[in-house]
Amino acid sequence: MWVIFALLGAFTQATHQATNKVFLKKINEYVLGAGIFFTSAIFLFIFSIIKGFPVVNEKFFFALLITGTINVFTTLLFLKVLKKTDASLAIPMLSFTPAFTILTSFLILKETPSKYGIFGIIFVVIGAYILNSQSISLKKIFEPFKKIISEKELVYALVVAFLYSISTNYDKIVVLNSDPIFGSAIICSFVALAL
């Protein structure tokens, strides 16, 4: 069942980013980002009202401030990247987030993935790396890396992937100190209002 959810999540995320690319031709990134998060917040608050609001504590507010701030910055940066570069090159850069999360989750949450988890993450990163290659050969093994560092938009997308690896940990702290629906609604509201 989780494989189906994972594939559905990947499909909807890719569709979301492709749609953002289309909207960016006519809409300012601040307005688009605020609209995305505001719309999400409305739906999440409706579900949260039905479910009931949880009790929160000071850890919730601290984590909210950190993840909200990071998400404001990453939303703007990634929308600017999408505006200026090919989506098929920018979006795979986000696949580096799980690799960065191995380090950030250990430092922030004291969590480490299983051996199989690390194996899976390595395959995802290799896939993202290969997507930036014209051909696969040992002679050209560093070609994608050279391409990434030569295009500033791809470097920015990599920065977003790293920042997501930090905010994800604080998203978890928000959720652990509230619940998934209410916590996500508050994060979306924070980002929408800031934008």
C-alpha atoms as a PDB file:
ATOM      1  CA  MET A   1       0.000   0.000   0.000  1.00  0.00           C
ATOM      2  CA  TRP A   2       2.853   2.417   0.859  1.00  0.00           C
ATOM      3  CA  VAL A   3       4.384   1.897  -2.581  1.00  0.00           C
ATOM      4  CA  ILE A   4       1.125   3.144  -4.128  1.00  0.00           C
ATOM      5  CA  PHE A   5       1.098   6.182  -1.806  1.00  0.00           C
ATOM      6  CA  ALA A   6       4.766   6.911  -2.604  1.00  0.00           C
ATOM      7  CA  LEU A   7       4.150   6.742  -6.366  1.00  0.00           C
ATOM      8  CA  LEU A   8       1.005   8.859  -6.039  1.00  0.00           C
ATOM      9  CA  GLY A   9       2.964  11.402  -3.965  1.00  0.00           C
ATOM     10  CA  ALA A  10       5.748  11.548  -6.564  1.00  0.00           C
ATOM     11  CA  PHE A  11       3.231  11.968  -9.389  1.00  0.00           C
ATOM     12  CA  THR A  12       1.286  14.740  -7.655  1.00  0.00           C
ATOM     13  CA  GLN A  13       4.488  16.548  -6.651  1.00  0.00           C
ATOM     14  CA  ALA A  14       5.780  16.465 -10.229  1.00  0.00           C
ATOM     15  CA  THR A  15       2.394  17.677 -11.507  1.00  0.00           C
ATOM     16  CA  HIS A  16       2.362  20.436  -8.887  1.00  0.00           C
ATOM     17  CA  GLN A  17       5.807  21.709  -9.904  1.00  0.00           C
ATOM     18  CA  ALA A  18       4.993  21.508 -13.637  1.00  0.00           C
ATOM     19  CA  THR A  19       1.802  23.503 -12.997  1.00  0.00           C
ATOM     20  CA  ASN A  20       3.814  26.053 -11.000  1.00  0.00           C
ATOM     21  CA  LYS A  21       6.123  26.462 -14.003  1.00  0.00           C
ATOM     22  CA  VAL A  22       3.106  27.277 -16.197  1.00  0.00           C
ATOM     23  CA  PHE A  23       1.625  29.730 -13.657  1.00  0.00           C
ATOM     24  CA  LEU A  24       4.970  31.513 -13.227  1.00  0.00           C
ATOM     25  CA  LYS A  25       4.673  32.833 -16.784  1.00  0.00           C
ATOM     26  CA  LYS A  26       1.815  35.078 -15.661  1.00  0.00           C
ATOM     27  CA  ILE A  27       1.908  35.219 -11.850  1.00  0.00           C
ATOM     28  CA  ASN A  28       4.488  36.739  -9.492  1.00  0.00           C
ATOM     29  CA  GLU A  29       6.275  34.097  -7.354  1.00  0.00           C
ATOM     30  CA  TYR A  30       5.217  35.803  -4.102  1.00  0.00           C
ATOM     31  CA  VAL A  31       1.546  35.688  -5.107  1.00  0.00           C
ATOM     32  CA  LEU A  32       1.811  32.112  -6.408  1.00  0.00           C
ATOM     33  CA  GLY A  33       3.622  30.876  -3.292  1.00  0.00           C
ATOM     34  CA  ALA A  34       1.144  32.599  -0.970  1.00  0.00           C
ATOM     35  CA  GLY A  35      -1.767  31.165  -2.958  1.00  0.00           C
ATOM     36  CA  ILE A  36      -0.412  27.615  -2.802  1.00  0.00           C
ATOM     37  CA  PHE A  37       0.108  27.711   0.960  1.00  0.00           C
ATOM     38  CA  PHE A  38      -3.084  29.649   1.690  1.00  0.00           C
ATOM     39  CA  THR A  39      -5.200  27.142  -0.266  1.00  0.00           C
ATOM     40  CA  SER A  40      -3.521  24.229   1.533  1.00  0.00           C
ATOM     41  CA  ALA A  41      -4.074  25.919   4.902  1.00  0.00           C
ATOM     42  CA  ILE A  42      -7.809  26.347   4.262  1.00  0.00           C
ATOM     43  CA  PHE A  43      -8.337  22.659   3.457  1.00  0.00           C
ATOM     44  CA  LEU A  44      -6.155  21.517   6.360  1.00  0.00           C
ATOM     45  CA  PHE A  45      -7.995  23.800   8.809  1.00  0.00           C
ATOM     46  CA  ILE A  46     -11.359  22.414   7.656  1.00  0.00           C
ATOM     47  CA  PHE A  47     -10.150  18.868   8.386  1.00  0.00           C
ATOM     48  CA  SER A  48      -8.615  20.018  11.652  1.00  0.00           C
ATOM     49  CA  ILE A  49     -11.899  21.599  12.812  1.00  0.00           C
ATOM     50  CA  ILE A  50     -13.686  18.303  12.085  1.00  0.00           C
ATOM     51  CA  LYS A  51     -11.011  16.292  13.896  1.00  0.00           C
ATOM     52  CA  GLY A  52     -10.558  18.757  16.749  1.00  0.00           C
ATOM     53  CA  PHE A  53      -7.619  21.014  17.618  1.00  0.00           C
ATOM     54  CA  PRO A  54      -4.757  19.432  19.570  1.00  0.00           C
ATOM     55  CA  VAL A  55      -2.955  20.835  22.607  1.00  0.00           C
ATOM     56  CA  VAL A  56       0.397  22.429  21.695  1.00  0.00           C
ATOM     57  CA  ASN A  57       3.434  23.407  23.754  1.00  0.00           C
ATOM     58  CA  GLU A  58       6.517  25.621  23.500  1.00  0.00           C
ATOM     59  CA  LYS A  59       8.408  23.080  21.318  1.00  0.00           C
ATOM     60  CA  PHE A  60       5.637  23.482  18.741  1.00  0.00           C
ATOM     61  CA  PHE A  61       6.118  27.259  18.472  1.00  0.00           C
ATOM     62  CA  PHE A  62       9.923  27.051  18.337  1.00  0.00           C
ATOM     63  CA  ALA A  63       9.841  24.426  15.558  1.00  0.00           C
ATOM     64  CA  LEU A  64       7.131  26.390  13.713  1.00  0.00           C
ATOM     65  CA  LEU A  65       9.281  29.515  13.666  1.00  0.00           C
ATOM     66  CA  ILE A  66      12.257  27.624  12.229  1.00  0.00           C
ATOM     67  CA  THR A  67      10.424  25.544   9.599  1.00  0.00           C
ATOM     68  CA  GLY A  68       8.138  28.419   8.629  1.00  0.00           C
ATOM     69  CA  THR A  69      11.070  30.765   8.056  1.00  0.00           C
ATOM     70  CA  ILE A  70      12.995  28.183   6.051  1.00  0.00           C
ATOM     71  CA  ASN A  71       9.914  27.349   3.948  1.00  0.00           C
ATOM     72  CA  VAL A  72       9.300  31.017   3.084  1.00  0.00           C
ATOM     73  CA  PHE A  73      12.857  31.283   1.775  1.00  0.00           C
ATOM     74  CA  THR A  74      12.870  27.913  -0.051  1.00  0.00           C
ATOM     75  CA  THR A  75       9.474  28.547  -1.658  1.00  0.00           C
ATOM     76  CA  LEU A  76      10.643  31.826  -3.176  1.00  0.00           C
ATOM     77  CA  LEU A  77      14.019  30.458  -4.192  1.00  0.00           C
ATOM     78  CA  PHE A  78      12.619  27.345  -5.851  1.00  0.00           C
ATOM     79  CA  LEU A  79       9.879  29.257  -7.682  1.00  0.00           C
ATOM     80  CA  LYS A  80      12.579  31.607  -9.025  1.00  0.00           C
ATOM     81  CA  VAL A  81      14.578  28.537 -10.123  1.00  0.00           C
ATOM     82  CA  LEU A  82      11.516  27.085 -11.892  1.00  0.00           C
ATOM     83  CA  LYS A  83      10.938  30.408 -13.617  1.00  0.00           C
ATOM     84  CA  LYS A  84      14.433  30.478 -15.116  1.00  0.00           C
ATOM     85  CA  THR A  85      15.366  26.854 -15.830  1.00  0.00           C
ATOM     86  CA  ASP A  86      13.981  23.642 -17.241  1.00  0.00           C
ATOM     87  CA  ALA A  87      11.672  21.927 -14.719  1.00  0.00           C
ATOM     88  CA  SER A  88      13.004  18.513 -15.765  1.00  0.00           C
ATOM     89  CA  LEU A  89      16.453  19.582 -14.510  1.00  0.00           C
ATOM     90  CA  ALA A  90      15.396  21.577 -11.423  1.00  0.00           C
ATOM     91  CA  ILE A  91      12.884  19.156  -9.895  1.00  0.00           C
ATOM     92  CA  PRO A  92      15.274  16.145  -9.763  1.00  0.00           C
ATOM     93  CA  MET A  93      17.646  18.276  -7.654  1.00  0.00           C
ATOM     94  CA  LEU A  94      15.104  17.944  -4.821  1.00  0.00           C
ATOM     95  CA  SER A  95      15.874  14.211  -4.843  1.00  0.00           C
ATOM     96  CA  PHE A  96      19.065  15.082  -2.971  1.00  0.00           C
ATOM     97  CA  THR A  97      16.989  16.075   0.086  1.00  0.00           C
ATOM     98  CA  PRO A  98      16.887  12.532   1.564  1.00  0.00           C
ATOM     99  CA  ALA A  99      20.685  12.292   1.336  1.00  0.00           C
ATOM    100  CA  PHE A 100      21.075  15.573   3.210  1.00  0.00           C
ATOM    101  CA  THR A 101      18.380  14.479   5.675  1.00  0.00           C
ATOM    102  CA  ILE A 102      20.539  11.550   6.824  1.00  0.00           C
ATOM    103  CA  LEU A 103      22.919  14.109   8.351  1.00  0.00           C
ATOM    104  CA  THR A 104      20.392  16.714   9.491  1.00  0.00           C
ATOM    105  CA  SER A 105      18.045  14.149  11.094  1.00  0.00           C
ATOM    106  CA  PHE A 106      20.957  12.706  13.021  1.00  0.00           C
ATOM    107  CA  LEU A 107      22.021  16.164  14.245  1.00  0.00           C
ATOM    108  CA  ILE A 108      18.537  17.535  15.014  1.00  0.00           C
ATOM    109  CA  LEU A 109      16.437  14.478  15.952  1.00  0.00           C
ATOM    110  CA  LYS A 110      19.137  11.881  16.690  1.00  0.00           C
ATOM    111  CA  GLU A 111      17.524   9.623  14.070  1.00  0.00           C
ATOM    112  CA  THR A 112      19.233   7.391  11.529  1.00  0.00           C
ATOM    113  CA  PRO A 113      17.666   5.419   8.672  1.00  0.00           C
ATOM    114  CA  SER A 114      17.916   1.645   8.399  1.00  0.00           C
ATOM    115  CA  LYS A 115      20.468   0.013   6.108  1.00  0.00           C
ATOM    116  CA  TYR A 116      17.715  -0.497   3.539  1.00  0.00           C
ATOM    117  CA  GLY A 117      16.708   3.146   3.909  1.00  0.00           C
ATOM    118  CA  ILE A 118      20.255   4.324   3.200  1.00  0.00           C
ATOM    119  CA  PHE A 119      20.430   1.932   0.221  1.00  0.00           C
ATOM    120  CA  GLY A 120      17.180   3.389  -1.177  1.00  0.00           C
ATOM    121  CA  ILE A 121      18.366   6.966  -0.678  1.00  0.00           C
ATOM    122  CA  ILE A 122      21.617   6.225  -2.520  1.00  0.00           C
ATOM    123  CA  PHE A 123      19.647   4.883  -5.503  1.00  0.00           C
ATOM    124  CA  VAL A 124      17.401   7.962  -5.595  1.00  0.00           C
ATOM    125  CA  VAL A 125      20.419  10.291  -5.539  1.00  0.00           C
ATOM    126  CA  ILE A 126      22.186   8.288  -8.265  1.00  0.00           C
ATOM    127  CA  GLY A 127      19.015   8.524 -10.370  1.00  0.00           C
ATOM    128  CA  ALA A 128      18.847  12.298  -9.920  1.00  0.00           C
ATOM    129  CA  TYR A 129      22.537  12.550 -10.781  1.00  0.00           C
ATOM    130  CA  ILE A 130      22.138  10.470 -13.956  1.00  0.00           C
ATOM    131  CA  LEU A 131      19.201  12.640 -15.098  1.00  0.00           C
ATOM    132  CA  ASN A 132      21.694  15.478 -15.535  1.00  0.00           C
ATOM    133  CA  SER A 133      23.959  13.367 -17.748  1.00  0.00           C
ATOM    134  CA  GLN A 134      23.895  13.174 -21.536  1.00  0.00           C
ATOM    135  CA  SER A 135      25.426   9.683 -21.495  1.00  0.00           C
ATOM    136  CA  ILE A 136      26.553   7.180 -18.909  1.00  0.00           C
ATOM    137  CA  SER A 137      30.244   6.292 -19.067  1.00  0.00           C
ATOM    138  CA  LEU A 138      33.170   6.212 -16.668  1.00  0.00           C
ATOM    139  CA  LYS A 139      34.921   8.936 -18.675  1.00  0.00           C
ATOM    140  CA  LYS A 140      31.988  11.287 -18.163  1.00  0.00           C
ATOM    141  CA  ILE A 141      31.150  10.355 -14.567  1.00  0.00           C
ATOM    142  CA  PHE A 142      31.712  13.917 -13.312  1.00  0.00           C
ATOM    143  CA  GLU A 143      29.862  15.544 -16.222  1.00  0.00           C
ATOM    144  CA  PRO A 144      26.549  15.953 -14.307  1.00  0.00           C
ATOM    145  CA  PHE A 145      28.379  17.461 -11.319  1.00  0.00           C
ATOM    146  CA  LYS A 146      30.130  19.974 -13.591  1.00  0.00           C
ATOM    147  CA  LYS A 147      26.788  20.804 -15.188  1.00  0.00           C
ATOM    148  CA  ILE A 148      25.128  21.321 -11.793  1.00  0.00           C
ATOM    149  CA  ILE A 149      27.820  23.671 -10.474  1.00  0.00           C
ATOM    150  CA  SER A 150      28.045  25.579 -13.774  1.00  0.00           C
ATOM    151  CA  GLU A 151      24.333  26.547 -13.749  1.00  0.00           C
ATOM    152  CA  LYS A 152      23.457  28.777 -10.812  1.00  0.00           C
ATOM    153  CA  GLU A 153      19.767  27.793 -10.932  1.00  0.00           C
ATOM    154  CA  LEU A 154      20.709  24.144 -10.361  1.00  0.00           C
ATOM    155  CA  VAL A 155      22.989  25.183  -7.501  1.00  0.00           C
ATOM    156  CA  TYR A 156      20.054  27.117  -6.003  1.00  0.00           C
ATOM    157  CA  ALA A 157      17.839  24.031  -6.400  1.00  0.00           C
ATOM    158  CA  LEU A 158      20.483  22.029  -4.532  1.00  0.00           C
ATOM    159  CA  VAL A 159      20.491  24.690  -1.782  1.00  0.00           C
ATOM    160  CA  VAL A 160      16.694  24.305  -1.569  1.00  0.00           C
ATOM    161  CA  ALA A 161      17.122  20.521  -1.255  1.00  0.00           C
ATOM    162  CA  PHE A 162      19.547  21.040   1.633  1.00  0.00           C
ATOM    163  CA  LEU A 163      17.275  23.554   3.382  1.00  0.00           C
ATOM    164  CA  TYR A 164      14.332  21.152   2.967  1.00  0.00           C
ATOM    165  CA  SER A 165      16.416  18.543   4.806  1.00  0.00           C
ATOM    166  CA  ILE A 166      16.543  20.919   7.785  1.00  0.00           C
ATOM    167  CA  SER A 167      12.915  22.084   7.671  1.00  0.00           C
ATOM    168  CA  THR A 168      11.649  18.494   7.398  1.00  0.00           C
ATOM    169  CA  ASN A 169      13.041  17.748  10.854  1.00  0.00           C
ATOM    170  CA  TYR A 170      11.298  20.775  12.335  1.00  0.00           C
ATOM    171  CA  ASP A 171       8.100  19.818  10.471  1.00  0.00           C
ATOM    172  CA  LYS A 172       8.278  16.545  12.389  1.00  0.00           C
ATOM    173  CA  ILE A 173       8.722  18.375  15.701  1.00  0.00           C
ATOM    174  CA  VAL A 174       5.673  20.544  14.884  1.00  0.00           C
ATOM    175  CA  VAL A 175       3.613  17.430  14.104  1.00  0.00           C
ATOM    176  CA  LEU A 176       4.832  15.523  17.179  1.00  0.00           C
ATOM    177  CA  ASN A 177       3.792  18.448  19.379  1.00  0.00           C
ATOM    178  CA  SER A 178       0.345  18.856  17.765  1.00  0.00           C
ATOM    179  CA  ASP A 179      -0.939  16.500  15.037  1.00  0.00           C
ATOM    180  CA  PRO A 180      -0.223  16.084  11.297  1.00  0.00           C
ATOM    181  CA  ILE A 181      -3.270  18.019  10.050  1.00  0.00           C
ATOM    182  CA  PHE A 182      -3.238  20.949  12.470  1.00  0.00           C
ATOM    183  CA  GLY A 183       0.568  21.229  12.410  1.00  0.00           C
ATOM    184  CA  SER A 184       0.615  21.336   8.605  1.00  0.00           C
ATOM    185  CA  ALA A 185      -2.233  23.880   8.578  1.00  0.00           C
ATOM    186  CA  ILE A 186      -0.281  26.209  10.887  1.00  0.00           C
ATOM    187  CA  ILE A 187       2.942  25.844   8.859  1.00  0.00           C
ATOM    188  CA  CYS A 188       1.056  26.607   5.617  1.00  0.00           C
ATOM    189  CA  SER A 189      -0.607  29.626   7.265  1.00  0.00           C
ATOM    190  CA  PHE A 190       2.766  30.934   8.497  1.00  0.00           C
ATOM    191  CA  VAL A 191       4.304  30.683   5.019  1.00  0.00           C
ATOM    192  CA  ALA A 192       1.226  32.114   3.254  1.00  0.00           C
ATOM    193  CA  LEU A 193       1.073  35.141   5.575  1.00  0.00           C
ATOM    194  CA  ALA A 194       4.815  35.777   5.276  1.00  0.00           C
ATOM    195  CA  LEU A 195       4.678  35.656   1.473  1.00  0.00           C
END
